[in-house]
Structure formats: structure tokens, C-alpha cells
C-alpha atoms as a PDB file:
ATOM      1  CA  UNK A   1      78.093  21.645  38.631  1.00  0.00           C
ATOM      2  CA  UNK A   2      81.459  23.639  37.983  1.00  0.00           C
ATOM      3  CA  UNK A   3      84.143  25.681  39.473  1.00  0.00           C
ATOM      4  CA  UNK A   4      87.019  26.978  38.857  1.00  0.00           C
ATOM      5  CA  UNK A   5      89.758  24.996  40.405  1.00  0.00           C
ATOM      6  CA  UNK A   6      91.583  28.220  41.449  1.00  0.00           C
ATOM      7  CA  UNK A   7      88.731  29.103  43.791  1.00  0.00           C
ATOM      8  CA  UNK A   8      88.385  25.589  45.088  1.00  0.00           C
ATOM      9  CA  UNK A   9      91.808  25.417  46.127  1.00  0.00           C
ATOM     10  CA  UNK A  10      91.700  29.056  48.059  1.00  0.00           C
ATOM     11  CA  UNK A  11      88.905  27.746  49.745  1.00  0.00           C
ATOM     12  CA  UNK A  12      89.991  24.457  50.806  1.00  0.00           C
ATOM     13  CA  UNK A  13      93.386  25.829  52.346  1.00  0.00           C
ATOM     14  CA  UNK A  14      91.960  28.918  53.945  1.00  0.00           C
ATOM     15  CA  UNK A  15      89.104  26.673  55.379  1.00  0.00           C
ATOM     16  CA  UNK A  16      91.283  23.709  56.534  1.00  0.00           C
ATOM     17  CA  UNK A  17      95.065  24.031  56.492  1.00  0.00           C
ATOM     18  CA  UNK A  18      97.758  25.113  53.745  1.00  0.00           C
ATOM     19  CA  UNK A  19      98.313  21.565  52.484  1.00  0.00           C
ATOM     20  CA  UNK A  20      94.556  20.667  52.643  1.00  0.00           C
ATOM     21  CA  UNK A  21      94.223  21.183  48.660  1.00  0.00           C
ATOM     22  CA  UNK A  22      97.436  19.018  48.368  1.00  0.00           C
ATOM     23  CA  UNK A  23      95.905  16.296  50.212  1.00  0.00           C
ATOM     24  CA  UNK A  24      92.331  16.497  48.677  1.00  0.00           C
ATOM     25  CA  UNK A  25      94.112  16.297  45.208  1.00  0.00           C
ATOM     26  CA  UNK A  26      96.338  13.119  45.929  1.00  0.00           C
ATOM     27  CA  UNK A  27      93.068  11.227  47.543  1.00  0.00           C
ATOM     28  CA  UNK A  28      91.689  11.917  44.051  1.00  0.00           C
ATOM     29  CA  UNK A  29      94.614  11.243  41.604  1.00  0.00           C
ATOM     30  CA  UNK A  30      93.417   8.193  40.043  1.00  0.00           C
ATOM     31  CA  UNK A  31      90.768   9.983  38.920  1.00  0.00           C
ATOM     32  CA  UNK A  32      92.609  13.102  37.674  1.00  0.00           C
ATOM     33  CA  UNK A  33      95.044  10.761  35.860  1.00  0.00           C
ATOM     34  CA  UNK A  34      92.377   9.222  33.845  1.00  0.00           C
ATOM     35  CA  UNK A  35      91.195  12.523  32.713  1.00  0.00           C
ATOM     36  CA  UNK A  36      94.272  13.755  31.488  1.00  0.00           C
ATOM     37  CA  UNK A  37      95.153  15.993  34.753  1.00  0.00           C
ATOM     38  CA  UNK A  38      98.470  15.986  36.005  1.00  0.00           C
ATOM     39  CA  UNK A  39      99.170  15.944  39.892  1.00  0.00           C
ATOM     40  CA  UNK A  40     101.542  19.562  39.320  1.00  0.00           C
ATOM     41  CA  UNK A  41      98.635  21.002  37.327  1.00  0.00           C
ATOM     42  CA  UNK A  42      95.735  20.225  39.729  1.00  0.00           C
ATOM     43  CA  UNK A  43      98.396  22.012  42.658  1.00  0.00           C
ATOM     44  CA  UNK A  44      99.093  24.533  40.929  1.00  0.00           C
ATOM     45  CA  UNK A  45      96.084  25.104  38.498  1.00  0.00           C
ATOM     46  CA  UNK A  46      95.704  28.046  35.997  1.00  0.00           C
ATOM     47  CA  UNK A  47      93.340  30.615  36.723  1.00  0.00           C
ATOM     48  CA  UNK A  48      90.837  29.659  34.144  1.00  0.00           C
ATOM     49  CA  UNK A  49      90.966  25.901  34.820  1.00  0.00           C
ATOM     50  CA  UNK A  50      87.577  24.651  35.149  1.00  0.00           C
ATOM     51  CA  UNK A  51      86.581  21.534  37.087  1.00  0.00           C
ATOM     52  CA  UNK A  52      83.835  19.480  36.395  1.00  0.00           C
ATOM     53  CA  UNK A  53      82.226  16.188  36.037  1.00  0.00           C
ATOM     54  CA  UNK A  54      83.921  13.433  37.143  1.00  0.00           C
ATOM     55  CA  UNK A  55      87.028  15.344  38.623  1.00  0.00           C
ATOM     56  CA  UNK A  56      84.642  17.718  40.388  1.00  0.00           C
ATOM     57  CA  UNK A  57      82.299  14.884  41.819  1.00  0.00           C
ATOM     58  CA  UNK A  58      85.549  13.056  43.264  1.00  0.00           C
ATOM     59  CA  UNK A  59      87.217  16.067  44.681  1.00  0.00           C
ATOM     60  CA  UNK A  60      84.256  16.969  46.290  1.00  0.00           C
ATOM     61  CA  UNK A  61      84.039  13.400  47.920  1.00  0.00           C
ATOM     62  CA  UNK A  62      87.425  14.008  48.972  1.00  0.00           C
ATOM     63  CA  UNK A  63      86.703  17.074  50.804  1.00  0.00           C
ATOM     64  CA  UNK A  64      83.936  15.264  52.355  1.00  0.00           C
ATOM     65  CA  UNK A  65      85.818  12.230  53.250  1.00  0.00           C
ATOM     66  CA  UNK A  66      89.262  13.693  54.459  1.00  0.00           C
ATOM     67  CA  UNK A  67      87.363  16.718  56.341  1.00  0.00           C
ATOM     68  CA  UNK A  68      83.838  15.663  57.116  1.00  0.00           C
ATOM     69  CA  UNK A  69      82.625  19.231  55.598  1.00  0.00           C
ATOM     70  CA  UNK A  70      80.631  19.486  52.256  1.00  0.00           C
ATOM     71  CA  UNK A  71      81.869  22.547  50.060  1.00  0.00           C
ATOM     72  CA  UNK A  72      79.574  25.352  50.076  1.00  0.00           C
ATOM     73  CA  UNK A  73      77.024  25.799  47.131  1.00  0.00           C
ATOM     74  CA  UNK A  74      77.755  28.903  46.832  1.00  0.00           C
ATOM     75  CA  UNK A  75      81.488  28.037  45.722  1.00  0.00           C
ATOM     76  CA  UNK A  76      80.163  25.539  43.069  1.00  0.00           C
ATOM     77  CA  UNK A  77      78.719  27.440  39.894  1.00  0.00           C
ATOM     78  CA  UNK A  78      80.172  30.842  41.093  1.00  0.00           C
END
């Protein structure tokens, strides 16, 4: 599984609220830090930033926990 960070951010903010991505990132912050990703990097991702592995799993779980919604399969590996 992998997804462009910008696509997941845009989907989150459009689907839930303009601050959704920030909430999701904060919920996943410990995993992000463990993987060398700073909060500023995830809040304002570069266009080529790819999320995968533990980082993506944590972000997907955060979406499910906060918003009780699954990330569409069409978004992942797009």
C-alpha cells in the first residue's frame, strides 16, 4: 500500500474539514517521528512524498478512529 501524501491530505480536508489533515497527522505523530517525519513535513507535504508502511497504516487508522470512515481503496496505490 502506498499513497501520495498530497492526495491523502486533499481528500481528508475535502471530505471532513479544512483542518482534518492536521488532526490526522497529530494523532499519528509518534509513528511519524519514529519514521523520521517531522510534523511540518506532513502538514505541508512535498508533491513527491509517498506514504507507505507503518506511516500509512497509522494515518489510515487515525482516519478510522477520528472520523469513523475508511480511506477509499481507489485512493491507495493510485
